[in-house]
């Protein structure tokens, strides 16, 4: 199950105040730790999106904990996996019965040093040869981050080989109008 929100004009102080009573105390404190309005909004909105996705499954107790690398999980429902992501142009939430990873990123123009640091030679060549390197880079970046979030290992030092693994399926969506890329990594046999 997937939920995407990309009407970021709703990220207002009034909307944050409206959402605060709709989440538990832990999430309120987490949201208010953000100094910027957008961080507060994204934290609250992503949690409410998750709550909506879990409701048809009969899950109302959303007590979460984190693995050693910071990946969240539902304490009382280990068979249900979820992942959250947000950027300045959107928020994405995914739920599945197997490990899942999701990443949404606003388009950003990469410099050559960043491409070389994060992409292997074939990926870098494809990005630099594309008609829109900004979109191509963001697309590849979301794929890598979604796979890392699926694995629950966090960012690794060598990002070049992230997409070389097996056991997952990737889907990527590009929204040129709203200027973001979104990738979801679904588990096959992890």
C-alpha atoms as a PDB file:
ATOM      1  CA  UNK A   1       0.000   0.000   0.000  1.00  0.00           C
ATOM      2  CA  UNK A   2       1.262   3.434  -0.895  1.00  0.00           C
ATOM      3  CA  UNK A   3       0.227   6.967   0.023  1.00  0.00           C
ATOM      4  CA  UNK A   4       1.671  10.090  -1.601  1.00  0.00           C
ATOM      5  CA  UNK A   5       0.995  13.673  -0.586  1.00  0.00           C
ATOM      6  CA  UNK A   6       2.367  16.513  -2.689  1.00  0.00           C
ATOM      7  CA  UNK A   7       0.231  19.583  -2.027  1.00  0.00           C
ATOM      8  CA  UNK A   8       2.868  21.312   0.051  1.00  0.00           C
ATOM      9  CA  UNK A   9       0.868  24.563   0.126  1.00  0.00           C
ATOM     10  CA  UNK A  10      -0.894  22.906   3.087  1.00  0.00           C
ATOM     11  CA  UNK A  11       2.277  23.068   5.192  1.00  0.00           C
ATOM     12  CA  UNK A  12       0.997  25.891   7.408  1.00  0.00           C
ATOM     13  CA  UNK A  13       1.112  26.669  11.108  1.00  0.00           C
ATOM     14  CA  UNK A  14      -2.671  26.247  11.261  1.00  0.00           C
ATOM     15  CA  UNK A  15      -2.441  22.751   9.756  1.00  0.00           C
ATOM     16  CA  UNK A  16       0.317  21.744  12.190  1.00  0.00           C
ATOM     17  CA  UNK A  17      -1.850  22.914  15.097  1.00  0.00           C
ATOM     18  CA  UNK A  18      -4.784  20.957  13.635  1.00  0.00           C
ATOM     19  CA  UNK A  19      -2.731  17.735  13.358  1.00  0.00           C
ATOM     20  CA  UNK A  20      -1.041  17.808  16.785  1.00  0.00           C
ATOM     21  CA  UNK A  21      -4.062  16.454  18.730  1.00  0.00           C
ATOM     22  CA  UNK A  22      -4.498  13.672  16.137  1.00  0.00           C
ATOM     23  CA  UNK A  23      -1.215  11.917  16.995  1.00  0.00           C
ATOM     24  CA  UNK A  24       0.195  10.339  20.145  1.00  0.00           C
ATOM     25  CA  UNK A  25       2.412  12.174  22.601  1.00  0.00           C
ATOM     26  CA  UNK A  26       5.630  10.595  21.271  1.00  0.00           C
ATOM     27  CA  UNK A  27       4.915  11.840  17.735  1.00  0.00           C
ATOM     28  CA  UNK A  28       3.941  15.319  19.025  1.00  0.00           C
ATOM     29  CA  UNK A  29       7.298  15.653  20.777  1.00  0.00           C
ATOM     30  CA  UNK A  30       9.128  14.342  17.726  1.00  0.00           C
ATOM     31  CA  UNK A  31       7.348  16.817  15.426  1.00  0.00           C
ATOM     32  CA  UNK A  32       7.960  19.785  17.696  1.00  0.00           C
ATOM     33  CA  UNK A  33      11.698  19.012  17.836  1.00  0.00           C
ATOM     34  CA  UNK A  34      11.868  20.305  14.266  1.00  0.00           C
ATOM     35  CA  UNK A  35      12.614  24.023  14.242  1.00  0.00           C
ATOM     36  CA  UNK A  36      11.122  24.616  10.816  1.00  0.00           C
ATOM     37  CA  UNK A  37       7.435  24.491  10.025  1.00  0.00           C
ATOM     38  CA  UNK A  38       7.918  22.100   7.105  1.00  0.00           C
ATOM     39  CA  UNK A  39       9.660  19.493   9.303  1.00  0.00           C
ATOM     40  CA  UNK A  40       6.833  19.658  11.835  1.00  0.00           C
ATOM     41  CA  UNK A  41       4.237  19.356   9.083  1.00  0.00           C
ATOM     42  CA  UNK A  42       5.998  16.448   7.327  1.00  0.00           C
ATOM     43  CA  UNK A  43       6.484  14.550  10.589  1.00  0.00           C
ATOM     44  CA  UNK A  44       2.821  14.844  11.543  1.00  0.00           C
ATOM     45  CA  UNK A  45       1.393  14.347   8.055  1.00  0.00           C
ATOM     46  CA  UNK A  46       3.483  11.220   7.376  1.00  0.00           C
ATOM     47  CA  UNK A  47       2.329   9.707  10.660  1.00  0.00           C
ATOM     48  CA  UNK A  48      -1.322  10.380   9.857  1.00  0.00           C
ATOM     49  CA  UNK A  49      -0.828   8.916   6.367  1.00  0.00           C
ATOM     50  CA  UNK A  50       0.649   5.780   7.974  1.00  0.00           C
ATOM     51  CA  UNK A  51      -2.269   5.618  10.402  1.00  0.00           C
ATOM     52  CA  UNK A  52      -4.702   5.723   7.453  1.00  0.00           C
ATOM     53  CA  UNK A  53      -2.858   2.908   5.650  1.00  0.00           C
ATOM     54  CA  UNK A  54      -2.838   0.713   8.773  1.00  0.00           C
ATOM     55  CA  UNK A  55      -6.501   1.268   9.670  1.00  0.00           C
ATOM     56  CA  UNK A  56      -7.895  -1.249   7.080  1.00  0.00           C
ATOM     57  CA  UNK A  57      -5.534  -3.843   8.575  1.00  0.00           C
ATOM     58  CA  UNK A  58      -7.134  -3.337  11.997  1.00  0.00           C
ATOM     59  CA  UNK A  59      -3.966  -1.787  13.418  1.00  0.00           C
ATOM     60  CA  UNK A  60      -4.618   0.992  15.891  1.00  0.00           C
ATOM     61  CA  UNK A  61      -1.646   0.519  18.223  1.00  0.00           C
ATOM     62  CA  UNK A  62       1.177   2.248  16.406  1.00  0.00           C
ATOM     63  CA  UNK A  63       3.865   1.815  19.047  1.00  0.00           C
ATOM     64  CA  UNK A  64       7.166   1.867  17.185  1.00  0.00           C
ATOM     65  CA  UNK A  65      10.758   1.053  17.938  1.00  0.00           C
ATOM     66  CA  UNK A  66      13.899   1.202  15.818  1.00  0.00           C
ATOM     67  CA  UNK A  67      16.462  -1.358  14.705  1.00  0.00           C
ATOM     68  CA  UNK A  68      20.178  -0.797  15.306  1.00  0.00           C
ATOM     69  CA  UNK A  69      20.413   1.352  12.154  1.00  0.00           C
ATOM     70  CA  UNK A  70      17.336   3.466  12.900  1.00  0.00           C
ATOM     71  CA  UNK A  71      14.733   1.711  10.742  1.00  0.00           C
ATOM     72  CA  UNK A  72      11.339   1.944  12.471  1.00  0.00           C
ATOM     73  CA  UNK A  73       9.070  -1.049  13.053  1.00  0.00           C
ATOM     74  CA  UNK A  74       5.697  -1.684  14.687  1.00  0.00           C
ATOM     75  CA  UNK A  75       6.333  -3.314  18.076  1.00  0.00           C
ATOM     76  CA  UNK A  76       3.073  -5.289  18.217  1.00  0.00           C
ATOM     77  CA  UNK A  77       2.833  -6.119  14.500  1.00  0.00           C
ATOM     78  CA  UNK A  78       6.260  -7.367  13.328  1.00  0.00           C
ATOM     79  CA  UNK A  79       4.630  -8.927  10.245  1.00  0.00           C
ATOM     80  CA  UNK A  80       3.665  -5.463   8.941  1.00  0.00           C
ATOM     81  CA  UNK A  81       6.472  -3.324   7.554  1.00  0.00           C
ATOM     82  CA  UNK A  82       6.395   0.378   6.751  1.00  0.00           C
ATOM     83  CA  UNK A  83       8.641   3.149   5.560  1.00  0.00           C
ATOM     84  CA  UNK A  84       8.294   6.937   5.409  1.00  0.00           C
ATOM     85  CA  UNK A  85      10.048   9.619   3.373  1.00  0.00           C
ATOM     86  CA  UNK A  86       9.628  13.310   2.730  1.00  0.00           C
ATOM     87  CA  UNK A  87      11.247  16.134   0.842  1.00  0.00           C
ATOM     88  CA  UNK A  88      10.272  19.751   0.248  1.00  0.00           C
ATOM     89  CA  UNK A  89       7.970  18.685  -2.608  1.00  0.00           C
ATOM     90  CA  UNK A  90       6.203  15.676  -1.130  1.00  0.00           C
ATOM     91  CA  UNK A  91       5.646  12.985   1.468  1.00  0.00           C
ATOM     92  CA  UNK A  92       5.463   9.247   0.785  1.00  0.00           C
ATOM     93  CA  UNK A  93       4.467   6.307   3.003  1.00  0.00           C
ATOM     94  CA  UNK A  94       4.548   2.614   2.123  1.00  0.00           C
ATOM     95  CA  UNK A  95       3.177  -0.434   3.992  1.00  0.00           C
ATOM     96  CA  UNK A  96       3.706  -4.103   3.100  1.00  0.00           C
ATOM     97  CA  UNK A  97       3.841  -7.562   4.663  1.00  0.00           C
ATOM     98  CA  UNK A  98       7.542  -7.846   3.749  1.00  0.00           C
ATOM     99  CA  UNK A  99      10.379  -5.375   4.239  1.00  0.00           C
ATOM    100  CA  UNK A 100       9.908  -2.270   2.118  1.00  0.00           C
ATOM    101  CA  UNK A 101      11.859   0.898   1.457  1.00  0.00           C
ATOM    102  CA  UNK A 102      10.693   4.201   0.008  1.00  0.00           C
ATOM    103  CA  UNK A 103      12.391   7.455  -0.886  1.00  0.00           C
ATOM    104  CA  UNK A 104      11.074  10.701  -2.316  1.00  0.00           C
ATOM    105  CA  UNK A 105      13.455  13.471  -3.331  1.00  0.00           C
ATOM    106  CA  UNK A 106      13.051  16.898  -4.892  1.00  0.00           C
ATOM    107  CA  UNK A 107      14.974  17.343  -8.113  1.00  0.00           C
ATOM    108  CA  UNK A 108      18.448  18.653  -7.425  1.00  0.00           C
ATOM    109  CA  UNK A 109      21.198  19.362  -9.884  1.00  0.00           C
ATOM    110  CA  UNK A 110      24.230  17.284  -8.964  1.00  0.00           C
ATOM    111  CA  UNK A 111      27.794  18.319  -9.505  1.00  0.00           C
ATOM    112  CA  UNK A 112      30.291  15.898 -11.019  1.00  0.00           C
ATOM    113  CA  UNK A 113      31.958  15.195  -7.645  1.00  0.00           C
ATOM    114  CA  UNK A 114      28.640  14.088  -6.118  1.00  0.00           C
ATOM    115  CA  UNK A 115      27.859  11.869  -9.103  1.00  0.00           C
ATOM    116  CA  UNK A 116      31.280  10.178  -8.841  1.00  0.00           C
ATOM    117  CA  UNK A 117      30.951   9.746  -5.079  1.00  0.00           C
ATOM    118  CA  UNK A 118      27.467   8.181  -5.167  1.00  0.00           C
ATOM    119  CA  UNK A 119      27.217   6.418  -8.536  1.00  0.00           C
ATOM    120  CA  UNK A 120      29.178   3.627 -10.168  1.00  0.00           C
ATOM    121  CA  UNK A 121      30.739   4.334 -13.603  1.00  0.00           C
ATOM    122  CA  UNK A 122      27.790   2.911 -15.604  1.00  0.00           C
ATOM    123  CA  UNK A 123      25.253   4.900 -13.568  1.00  0.00           C
ATOM    124  CA  UNK A 124      27.331   8.081 -13.863  1.00  0.00           C
ATOM    125  CA  UNK A 125      27.628   7.608 -17.626  1.00  0.00           C
ATOM    126  CA  UNK A 126      23.855   7.140 -17.956  1.00  0.00           C
ATOM    127  CA  UNK A 127      23.156  10.242 -15.856  1.00  0.00           C
ATOM    128  CA  UNK A 128      25.604  12.452 -17.745  1.00  0.00           C
ATOM    129  CA  UNK A 129      24.331  11.230 -21.140  1.00  0.00           C
ATOM    130  CA  UNK A 130      20.657  11.702 -20.274  1.00  0.00           C
ATOM    131  CA  UNK A 131      18.622  14.583 -21.681  1.00  0.00           C
ATOM    132  CA  UNK A 132      17.979  15.774 -18.106  1.00  0.00           C
ATOM    133  CA  UNK A 133      20.833  14.870 -15.725  1.00  0.00           C
ATOM    134  CA  UNK A 134      18.993  16.434 -12.768  1.00  0.00           C
ATOM    135  CA  UNK A 135      16.028  14.086 -13.134  1.00  0.00           C
ATOM    136  CA  UNK A 136      18.305  11.118 -13.926  1.00  0.00           C
ATOM    137  CA  UNK A 137      20.463  11.698 -10.847  1.00  0.00           C
ATOM    138  CA  UNK A 138      17.450  12.123  -8.550  1.00  0.00           C
ATOM    139  CA  UNK A 139      15.887   8.958  -9.983  1.00  0.00           C
ATOM    140  CA  UNK A 140      19.027   6.905  -9.291  1.00  0.00           C
ATOM    141  CA  UNK A 141      19.461   8.453  -5.843  1.00  0.00           C
ATOM    142  CA  UNK A 142      15.906   7.514  -4.805  1.00  0.00           C
ATOM    143  CA  UNK A 143      16.473   3.958  -6.028  1.00  0.00           C
ATOM    144  CA  UNK A 144      19.610   3.597  -3.914  1.00  0.00           C
ATOM    145  CA  UNK A 145      18.055   5.102  -0.816  1.00  0.00           C
ATOM    146  CA  UNK A 146      14.895   2.971  -1.162  1.00  0.00           C
ATOM    147  CA  UNK A 147      17.027  -0.199  -1.344  1.00  0.00           C
ATOM    148  CA  UNK A 148      19.077   0.869   1.691  1.00  0.00           C
ATOM    149  CA  UNK A 149      15.891   1.612   3.629  1.00  0.00           C
ATOM    150  CA  UNK A 150      14.449  -1.761   2.594  1.00  0.00           C
ATOM    151  CA  UNK A 151      17.566  -3.464   3.968  1.00  0.00           C
ATOM    152  CA  UNK A 152      17.373  -1.362   7.126  1.00  0.00           C
ATOM    153  CA  UNK A 153      21.121  -0.768   7.131  1.00  0.00           C
ATOM    154  CA  UNK A 154      21.246   2.992   6.713  1.00  0.00           C
ATOM    155  CA  UNK A 155      23.567   4.783   4.331  1.00  0.00           C
ATOM    156  CA  UNK A 156      26.726   2.865   3.598  1.00  0.00           C
ATOM    157  CA  UNK A 157      30.164   4.222   2.737  1.00  0.00           C
ATOM    158  CA  UNK A 158      30.263   2.655  -0.724  1.00  0.00           C
ATOM    159  CA  UNK A 159      27.121   3.662  -2.570  1.00  0.00           C
ATOM    160  CA  UNK A 160      28.418   2.424  -5.921  1.00  0.00           C
ATOM    161  CA  UNK A 161      27.204  -1.170  -5.549  1.00  0.00           C
ATOM    162  CA  UNK A 162      23.889  -0.606  -3.777  1.00  0.00           C
ATOM    163  CA  UNK A 163      21.755  -1.587  -6.775  1.00  0.00           C
ATOM    164  CA  UNK A 164      23.840  -4.689  -7.559  1.00  0.00           C
ATOM    165  CA  UNK A 165      22.044  -6.860  -4.990  1.00  0.00           C
ATOM    166  CA  UNK A 166      19.186  -9.282  -5.462  1.00  0.00           C
ATOM    167  CA  UNK A 167      15.997 -10.009  -3.591  1.00  0.00           C
ATOM    168  CA  UNK A 168      14.137  -6.820  -4.346  1.00  0.00           C
ATOM    169  CA  UNK A 169      12.027  -5.169  -7.045  1.00  0.00           C
ATOM    170  CA  UNK A 170      12.151  -1.429  -7.725  1.00  0.00           C
ATOM    171  CA  UNK A 171       9.458   0.918  -8.966  1.00  0.00           C
ATOM    172  CA  UNK A 172      10.239   4.553  -9.721  1.00  0.00           C
ATOM    173  CA  UNK A 173       7.884   7.432 -10.438  1.00  0.00           C
ATOM    174  CA  UNK A 174       8.891  10.812 -11.798  1.00  0.00           C
ATOM    175  CA  UNK A 175       6.629  13.827 -11.290  1.00  0.00           C
ATOM    176  CA  UNK A 176       8.108  16.571 -13.466  1.00  0.00           C
ATOM    177  CA  UNK A 177       5.282  18.982 -12.684  1.00  0.00           C
ATOM    178  CA  UNK A 178       5.811  18.744  -8.904  1.00  0.00           C
ATOM    179  CA  UNK A 179       9.600  18.251  -9.391  1.00  0.00           C
ATOM    180  CA  UNK A 180      10.284  15.046  -7.490  1.00  0.00           C
ATOM    181  CA  UNK A 181      11.251  11.418  -7.970  1.00  0.00           C
ATOM    182  CA  UNK A 182       9.925   8.550  -5.872  1.00  0.00           C
ATOM    183  CA  UNK A 183      11.262   4.995  -5.657  1.00  0.00           C
ATOM    184  CA  UNK A 184       9.920   1.995  -3.780  1.00  0.00           C
ATOM    185  CA  UNK A 185      11.957  -1.130  -3.091  1.00  0.00           C
ATOM    186  CA  UNK A 186       9.825  -4.240  -2.543  1.00  0.00           C
ATOM    187  CA  UNK A 187      11.311  -7.345  -0.929  1.00  0.00           C
ATOM    188  CA  UNK A 188      11.283 -10.662  -2.757  1.00  0.00           C
ATOM    189  CA  UNK A 189      13.275 -12.888  -0.438  1.00  0.00           C
ATOM    190  CA  UNK A 190      15.082 -10.781   2.142  1.00  0.00           C
END
